[in-house]
Amino acid sequence: MSPYRCNSCGSKEFRADRALAGRLICRNCGLPLGNSNRTSSRKRQSGFSSNLPYLYIVLGVTILVIILR
């Protein structure tokens, strides 16, 4: 039994993939061991910049509300 767990699905079943130089691949979801969901890793790299347009909208509405009072 493998002491590792898949970060994506929690499975303990892995196989070595020769195409990836023997890297362990989860048998259930197919992700390599050590990789989490790709979208979540992209979000971590981008930081808060993806929320920047939303921040501008909220800031603009707040300024309008203050001016119109």
PDB file of N, CA and C in Angstrom:
ATOM      1  N   MET A   1       0.851  -1.183   0.000  1.00  0.00           N
ATOM      2  CA  MET A   1       0.000   0.000   0.000  1.00  0.00           C
ATOM      3  C   MET A   1       0.892   1.241   0.000  1.00  0.00           C
ATOM      4  N   SER A   2       0.509   2.213  -0.759  1.00  0.00           N
ATOM      5  CA  SER A   2       1.278   3.442  -0.889  1.00  0.00           C
ATOM      6  C   SER A   2       1.014   4.378   0.291  1.00  0.00           C
ATOM      7  N   PRO A   3       2.064   4.996   0.838  1.00  0.00           N
ATOM      8  CA  PRO A   3       1.854   5.961   1.926  1.00  0.00           C
ATOM      9  C   PRO A   3       1.363   7.315   1.412  1.00  0.00           C
ATOM     10  N   TYR A   4       1.323   7.501   0.095  1.00  0.00           N
ATOM     11  CA  TYR A   4       0.926   8.769  -0.511  1.00  0.00           C
ATOM     12  C   TYR A   4      -0.575   8.816  -0.755  1.00  0.00           C
ATOM     13  N   ARG A   5      -1.095  10.031  -0.806  1.00  0.00           N
ATOM     14  CA  ARG A   5      -2.496  10.259  -1.165  1.00  0.00           C
ATOM     15  C   ARG A   5      -2.541  11.274  -2.294  1.00  0.00           C
ATOM     16  N   CYS A   6      -3.495  11.078  -3.185  1.00  0.00           N
ATOM     17  CA  CYS A   6      -3.692  12.011  -4.288  1.00  0.00           C
ATOM     18  C   CYS A   6      -4.263  13.321  -3.733  1.00  0.00           C
ATOM     19  N   ASN A   7      -3.698  14.447  -4.169  1.00  0.00           N
ATOM     20  CA  ASN A   7      -4.182  15.752  -3.706  1.00  0.00           C
ATOM     21  C   ASN A   7      -5.561  16.082  -4.256  1.00  0.00           C
ATOM     22  N   SER A   8      -5.918  15.490  -5.380  1.00  0.00           N
ATOM     23  CA  SER A   8      -7.177  15.814  -6.026  1.00  0.00           C
ATOM     24  C   SER A   8      -8.343  14.974  -5.500  1.00  0.00           C
ATOM     25  N   CYS A   9      -8.166  13.641  -5.493  1.00  0.00           N
ATOM     26  CA  CYS A   9      -9.294  12.766  -5.143  1.00  0.00           C
ATOM     27  C   CYS A   9      -9.107  12.004  -3.837  1.00  0.00           C
ATOM     28  N   GLY A  10      -7.894  12.008  -3.263  1.00  0.00           N
ATOM     29  CA  GLY A  10      -7.659  11.320  -1.994  1.00  0.00           C
ATOM     30  C   GLY A  10      -7.354   9.837  -2.122  1.00  0.00           C
ATOM     31  N   SER A  11      -7.229   9.336  -3.320  1.00  0.00           N
ATOM     32  CA  SER A  11      -6.960   7.922  -3.538  1.00  0.00           C
ATOM     33  C   SER A  11      -5.530   7.568  -3.128  1.00  0.00           C
ATOM     34  N   LYS A  12      -5.332   6.297  -2.780  1.00  0.00           N
ATOM     35  CA  LYS A  12      -4.003   5.799  -2.441  1.00  0.00           C
ATOM     36  C   LYS A  12      -3.468   4.862  -3.523  1.00  0.00           C
ATOM     37  N   GLU A  13      -4.166   4.783  -4.649  1.00  0.00           N
ATOM     38  CA  GLU A  13      -3.758   3.877  -5.725  1.00  0.00           C
ATOM     39  C   GLU A  13      -3.042   4.655  -6.821  1.00  0.00           C
ATOM     40  N   PHE A  14      -1.775   4.267  -7.066  1.00  0.00           N
ATOM     41  CA  PHE A  14      -0.956   4.943  -8.067  1.00  0.00           C
ATOM     42  C   PHE A  14      -0.328   3.922  -8.996  1.00  0.00           C
ATOM     43  N   ARG A  15       0.118   4.410 -10.139  1.00  0.00           N
ATOM     44  CA  ARG A  15       0.882   3.594 -11.071  1.00  0.00           C
ATOM     45  C   ARG A  15       2.014   4.456 -11.614  1.00  0.00           C
ATOM     46  N   ALA A  16       3.103   3.827 -12.016  1.00  0.00           N
ATOM     47  CA  ALA A  16       4.225   4.552 -12.599  1.00  0.00           C
ATOM     48  C   ALA A  16       3.965   4.740 -14.090  1.00  0.00           C
ATOM     49  N   ASP A  17       4.082   5.953 -14.569  1.00  0.00           N
ATOM     50  CA  ASP A  17       3.856   6.261 -15.978  1.00  0.00           C
ATOM     51  C   ASP A  17       5.196   6.403 -16.676  1.00  0.00           C
ATOM     52  N   ARG A  18       5.472   5.514 -17.612  1.00  0.00           N
ATOM     53  CA  ARG A  18       6.754   5.528 -18.301  1.00  0.00           C
ATOM     54  C   ARG A  18       6.919   6.754 -19.197  1.00  0.00           C
ATOM     55  N   ALA A  19       5.823   7.286 -19.686  1.00  0.00           N
ATOM     56  CA  ALA A  19       5.897   8.471 -20.541  1.00  0.00           C
ATOM     57  C   ALA A  19       6.345   9.704 -19.748  1.00  0.00           C
ATOM     58  N   LEU A  20       6.142   9.678 -18.446  1.00  0.00           N
ATOM     59  CA  LEU A  20       6.546  10.786 -17.583  1.00  0.00           C
ATOM     60  C   LEU A  20       7.745  10.394 -16.719  1.00  0.00           C
ATOM     61  N   ALA A  21       8.627   9.578 -17.264  1.00  0.00           N
ATOM     62  CA  ALA A  21       9.869   9.154 -16.600  1.00  0.00           C
ATOM     63  C   ALA A  21       9.609   8.435 -15.285  1.00  0.00           C
ATOM     64  N   GLY A  22       8.565   7.625 -15.240  1.00  0.00           N
ATOM     65  CA  GLY A  22       8.276   6.827 -14.051  1.00  0.00           C
ATOM     66  C   GLY A  22       7.543   7.565 -12.956  1.00  0.00           C
ATOM     67  N   ARG A  23       7.059   8.729 -13.244  1.00  0.00           N
ATOM     68  CA  ARG A  23       6.346   9.517 -12.239  1.00  0.00           C
ATOM     69  C   ARG A  23       5.063   8.808 -11.839  1.00  0.00           C
ATOM     70  N   LEU A  24       4.691   8.909 -10.568  1.00  0.00           N
ATOM     71  CA  LEU A  24       3.491   8.245 -10.081  1.00  0.00           C
ATOM     72  C   LEU A  24       2.245   9.011 -10.515  1.00  0.00           C
ATOM     73  N   ILE A  25       1.275   8.257 -11.055  1.00  0.00           N
ATOM     74  CA  ILE A  25       0.018   8.808 -11.556  1.00  0.00           C
ATOM     75  C   ILE A  25      -1.125   8.156 -10.779  1.00  0.00           C
ATOM     76  N   CYS A  26      -2.099   8.961 -10.356  1.00  0.00           N
ATOM     77  CA  CYS A  26      -3.261   8.432  -9.642  1.00  0.00           C
ATOM     78  C   CYS A  26      -4.088   7.565 -10.590  1.00  0.00           C
ATOM     79  N   ARG A  27      -4.492   6.404 -10.122  1.00  0.00           N
ATOM     80  CA  ARG A  27      -5.300   5.512 -10.957  1.00  0.00           C
ATOM     81  C   ARG A  27      -6.741   6.002 -11.103  1.00  0.00           C
ATOM     82  N   ASN A  28      -7.225   6.781 -10.156  1.00  0.00           N
ATOM     83  CA  ASN A  28      -8.618   7.243 -10.215  1.00  0.00           C
ATOM     84  C   ASN A  28      -8.798   8.481 -11.091  1.00  0.00           C
ATOM     85  N   CYS A  29      -8.004   9.522 -10.835  1.00  0.00           N
ATOM     86  CA  CYS A  29      -8.227  10.780 -11.564  1.00  0.00           C
ATOM     87  C   CYS A  29      -7.176  11.051 -12.638  1.00  0.00           C
ATOM     88  N   GLY A  30      -6.029  10.362 -12.599  1.00  0.00           N
ATOM     89  CA  GLY A  30      -5.023  10.510 -13.640  1.00  0.00           C
ATOM     90  C   GLY A  30      -4.039  11.657 -13.452  1.00  0.00           C
ATOM     91  N   LEU A  31      -4.109  12.360 -12.329  1.00  0.00           N
ATOM     92  CA  LEU A  31      -3.168  13.453 -12.082  1.00  0.00           C
ATOM     93  C   LEU A  31      -1.862  12.919 -11.495  1.00  0.00           C
ATOM     94  N   PRO A  32      -0.732  13.526 -11.847  1.00  0.00           N
ATOM     95  CA  PRO A  32       0.543  13.109 -11.262  1.00  0.00           C
ATOM     96  C   PRO A  32       0.590  13.419  -9.769  1.00  0.00           C
ATOM     97  N   LEU A  33       1.298  12.574  -9.026  1.00  0.00           N
ATOM     98  CA  LEU A  33       1.458  12.778  -7.596  1.00  0.00           C
ATOM     99  C   LEU A  33       2.186  14.092  -7.356  1.00  0.00           C
ATOM    100  N   GLY A  34       1.700  14.892  -6.438  1.00  0.00           N
ATOM    101  CA  GLY A  34       2.315  16.171  -6.131  1.00  0.00           C
ATOM    102  C   GLY A  34       1.662  17.338  -6.838  1.00  0.00           C
ATOM    103  N   ASN A  35       0.817  17.085  -7.813  1.00  0.00           N
ATOM    104  CA  ASN A  35       0.101  18.160  -8.507  1.00  0.00           C
ATOM    105  C   ASN A  35      -1.305  18.241  -7.955  1.00  0.00           C
ATOM    106  N   SER A  36      -1.736  19.459  -7.668  1.00  0.00           N
ATOM    107  CA  SER A  36      -3.116  19.649  -7.280  1.00  0.00           C
ATOM    108  C   SER A  36      -3.910  20.014  -8.523  1.00  0.00           C
ATOM    109  N   ASN A  37      -5.127  20.384  -8.331  1.00  0.00           N
ATOM    110  CA  ASN A  37      -5.962  20.791  -9.446  1.00  0.00           C
ATOM    111  C   ASN A  37      -5.294  21.948 -10.185  1.00  0.00           C
ATOM    112  N   ARG A  38      -5.235  21.894 -11.495  1.00  0.00           N
ATOM    113  CA  ARG A  38      -4.503  22.895 -12.262  1.00  0.00           C
ATOM    114  C   ARG A  38      -5.096  24.284 -12.139  1.00  0.00           C
ATOM    115  N   THR A  39      -6.411  24.390 -12.023  1.00  0.00           N
ATOM    116  CA  THR A  39      -7.003  25.717 -11.920  1.00  0.00           C
ATOM    117  C   THR A  39      -6.646  26.372 -10.602  1.00  0.00           C
ATOM    118  N   SER A  40      -6.592  25.591  -9.525  1.00  0.00           N
ATOM    119  CA  SER A  40      -6.255  26.186  -8.249  1.00  0.00           C
ATOM    120  C   SER A  40      -4.814  26.649  -8.208  1.00  0.00           C
ATOM    121  N   SER A  41      -3.912  25.940  -8.886  1.00  0.00           N
ATOM    122  CA  SER A  41      -2.523  26.389  -8.904  1.00  0.00           C
ATOM    123  C   SER A  41      -2.390  27.656  -9.731  1.00  0.00           C
ATOM    124  N   ARG A  42      -3.210  27.803 -10.766  1.00  0.00           N
ATOM    125  CA  ARG A  42      -3.194  29.025 -11.554  1.00  0.00           C
ATOM    126  C   ARG A  42      -3.689  30.209 -10.725  1.00  0.00           C
ATOM    127  N   LYS A  43      -4.684  29.986  -9.898  1.00  0.00           N
ATOM    128  CA  LYS A  43      -5.203  31.053  -9.058  1.00  0.00           C
ATOM    129  C   LYS A  43      -4.151  31.513  -8.054  1.00  0.00           C
ATOM    130  N   ARG A  44      -3.381  30.574  -7.509  1.00  0.00           N
ATOM    131  CA  ARG A  44      -2.346  30.947  -6.554  1.00  0.00           C
ATOM    132  C   ARG A  44      -1.276  31.795  -7.218  1.00  0.00           C
ATOM    133  N   GLN A  45      -0.929  31.499  -8.458  1.00  0.00           N
ATOM    134  CA  GLN A  45       0.106  32.242  -9.144  1.00  0.00           C
ATOM    135  C   GLN A  45      -0.355  33.645  -9.517  1.00  0.00           C
ATOM    136  N   SER A  46      -1.606  33.783  -9.879  1.00  0.00           N
ATOM    137  CA  SER A  46      -2.087  35.079 -10.333  1.00  0.00           C
ATOM    138  C   SER A  46      -2.358  36.035  -9.180  1.00  0.00           C
ATOM    139  N   GLY A  47      -2.534  35.522  -7.981  1.00  0.00           N
ATOM    140  CA  GLY A  47      -2.775  36.366  -6.815  1.00  0.00           C
ATOM    141  C   GLY A  47      -4.121  37.061  -6.900  1.00  0.00           C
ATOM    142  N   PHE A  48      -4.157  38.332  -6.500  1.00  0.00           N
ATOM    143  CA  PHE A  48      -5.422  39.049  -6.481  1.00  0.00           C
ATOM    144  C   PHE A  48      -5.694  39.785  -7.778  1.00  0.00           C
ATOM    145  N   SER A  49      -4.810  39.679  -8.745  1.00  0.00           N
ATOM    146  CA  SER A  49      -4.993  40.427  -9.990  1.00  0.00           C
ATOM    147  C   SER A  49      -6.243  39.989 -10.746  1.00  0.00           C
ATOM    148  N   SER A  50      -6.696  38.754 -10.547  1.00  0.00           N
ATOM    149  CA  SER A  50      -7.909  38.309 -11.227  1.00  0.00           C
ATOM    150  C   SER A  50      -9.146  38.982 -10.641  1.00  0.00           C
ATOM    151  N   ASN A  51      -9.062  39.476  -9.404  1.00  0.00           N
ATOM    152  CA  ASN A  51     -10.183  40.161  -8.767  1.00  0.00           C
ATOM    153  C   ASN A  51     -10.131  41.659  -8.998  1.00  0.00           C
ATOM    154  N   LEU A  52      -9.159  42.141  -9.737  1.00  0.00           N
ATOM    155  CA  LEU A  52      -8.986  43.572  -9.932  1.00  0.00           C
ATOM    156  C   LEU A  52     -10.179  44.240 -10.625  1.00  0.00           C
ATOM    157  N   PRO A  53     -10.738  43.693 -11.703  1.00  0.00           N
ATOM    158  CA  PRO A  53     -11.921  44.344 -12.308  1.00  0.00           C
ATOM    159  C   PRO A  53     -13.095  44.428 -11.334  1.00  0.00           C
ATOM    160  N   TYR A  54     -13.301  43.404 -10.555  1.00  0.00           N
ATOM    161  CA  TYR A  54     -14.372  43.407  -9.558  1.00  0.00           C
ATOM    162  C   TYR A  54     -14.120  44.504  -8.525  1.00  0.00           C
ATOM    163  N   LEU A  55     -12.862  44.666  -8.126  1.00  0.00           N
ATOM    164  CA  LEU A  55     -12.499  45.703  -7.157  1.00  0.00           C
ATOM    165  C   LEU A  55     -12.796  47.086  -7.710  1.00  0.00           C
ATOM    166  N   TYR A  56     -12.496  47.319  -8.990  1.00  0.00           N
ATOM    167  CA  TYR A  56     -12.781  48.613  -9.619  1.00  0.00           C
ATOM    168  C   TYR A  56     -14.277  48.898  -9.662  1.00  0.00           C
ATOM    169  N   ILE A  57     -15.070  47.905  -9.936  1.00  0.00           N
ATOM    170  CA  ILE A  57     -16.525  48.088  -9.991  1.00  0.00           C
ATOM    171  C   ILE A  57     -17.058  48.464  -8.616  1.00  0.00           C
ATOM    172  N   VAL A  58     -16.630  47.739  -7.590  1.00  0.00           N
ATOM    173  CA  VAL A  58     -17.096  48.020  -6.234  1.00  0.00           C
ATOM    174  C   VAL A  58     -16.639  49.410  -5.797  1.00  0.00           C
ATOM    175  N   LEU A  59     -15.414  49.758  -6.108  1.00  0.00           N
ATOM    176  CA  LEU A  59     -14.898  51.077  -5.757  1.00  0.00           C
ATOM    177  C   LEU A  59     -15.671  52.182  -6.478  1.00  0.00           C
ATOM    178  N   GLY A  60     -15.975  51.984  -7.747  1.00  0.00           N
ATOM    179  CA  GLY A  60     -16.733  52.964  -8.519  1.00  0.00           C
ATOM    180  C   GLY A  60     -18.136  53.161  -7.980  1.00  0.00           C
ATOM    181  N   VAL A  61     -18.816  52.084  -7.640  1.00  0.00           N
ATOM    182  CA  VAL A  61     -20.173  52.182  -7.097  1.00  0.00           C
ATOM    183  C   VAL A  61     -20.138  52.877  -5.740  1.00  0.00           C
ATOM    184  N   THR A  62     -19.145  52.572  -4.933  1.00  0.00           N
ATOM    185  CA  THR A  62     -19.024  53.210  -3.618  1.00  0.00           C
ATOM    186  C   THR A  62     -18.816  54.709  -3.758  1.00  0.00           C
ATOM    187  N   ILE A  63     -17.971  55.131  -4.680  1.00  0.00           N
ATOM    188  CA  ILE A  63     -17.735  56.555  -4.905  1.00  0.00           C
ATOM    189  C   ILE A  63     -19.005  57.244  -5.402  1.00  0.00           C
ATOM    190  N   LEU A  64     -19.753  56.594  -6.298  1.00  0.00           N
ATOM    191  CA  LEU A  64     -21.011  57.166  -6.786  1.00  0.00           C
ATOM    192  C   LEU A  64     -22.015  57.349  -5.654  1.00  0.00           C
ATOM    193  N   VAL A  65     -22.117  56.371  -4.774  1.00  0.00           N
ATOM    194  CA  VAL A  65     -23.053  56.461  -3.659  1.00  0.00           C
ATOM    195  C   VAL A  65     -22.668  57.614  -2.734  1.00  0.00           C
ATOM    196  N   ILE A  66     -21.363  57.783  -2.482  1.00  0.00           N
ATOM    197  CA  ILE A  66     -20.913  58.872  -1.626  1.00  0.00           C
ATOM    198  C   ILE A  66     -21.187  60.222  -2.268  1.00  0.00           C
ATOM    199  N   ILE A  67     -20.949  60.365  -3.558  1.00  0.00           N
ATOM    200  CA  ILE A  67     -21.162  61.633  -4.265  1.00  0.00           C
ATOM    201  C   ILE A  67     -22.643  61.982  -4.337  1.00  0.00           C
ATOM    202  N   LEU A  68     -23.508  61.005  -4.561  1.00  0.00           N
ATOM    203  CA  LEU A  68     -24.937  61.276  -4.730  1.00  0.00           C
ATOM    204  C   LEU A  68     -25.664  61.534  -3.423  1.00  0.00           C
ATOM    205  N   ARG A  69     -25.045  61.330  -2.316  1.00  0.00           N
ATOM    206  CA  ARG A  69     -25.722  61.590  -1.022  1.00  0.00           C
ATOM    207  C   ARG A  69     -25.743  63.015  -0.745  1.00  0.00           C
TER     208      ARG A  69
END
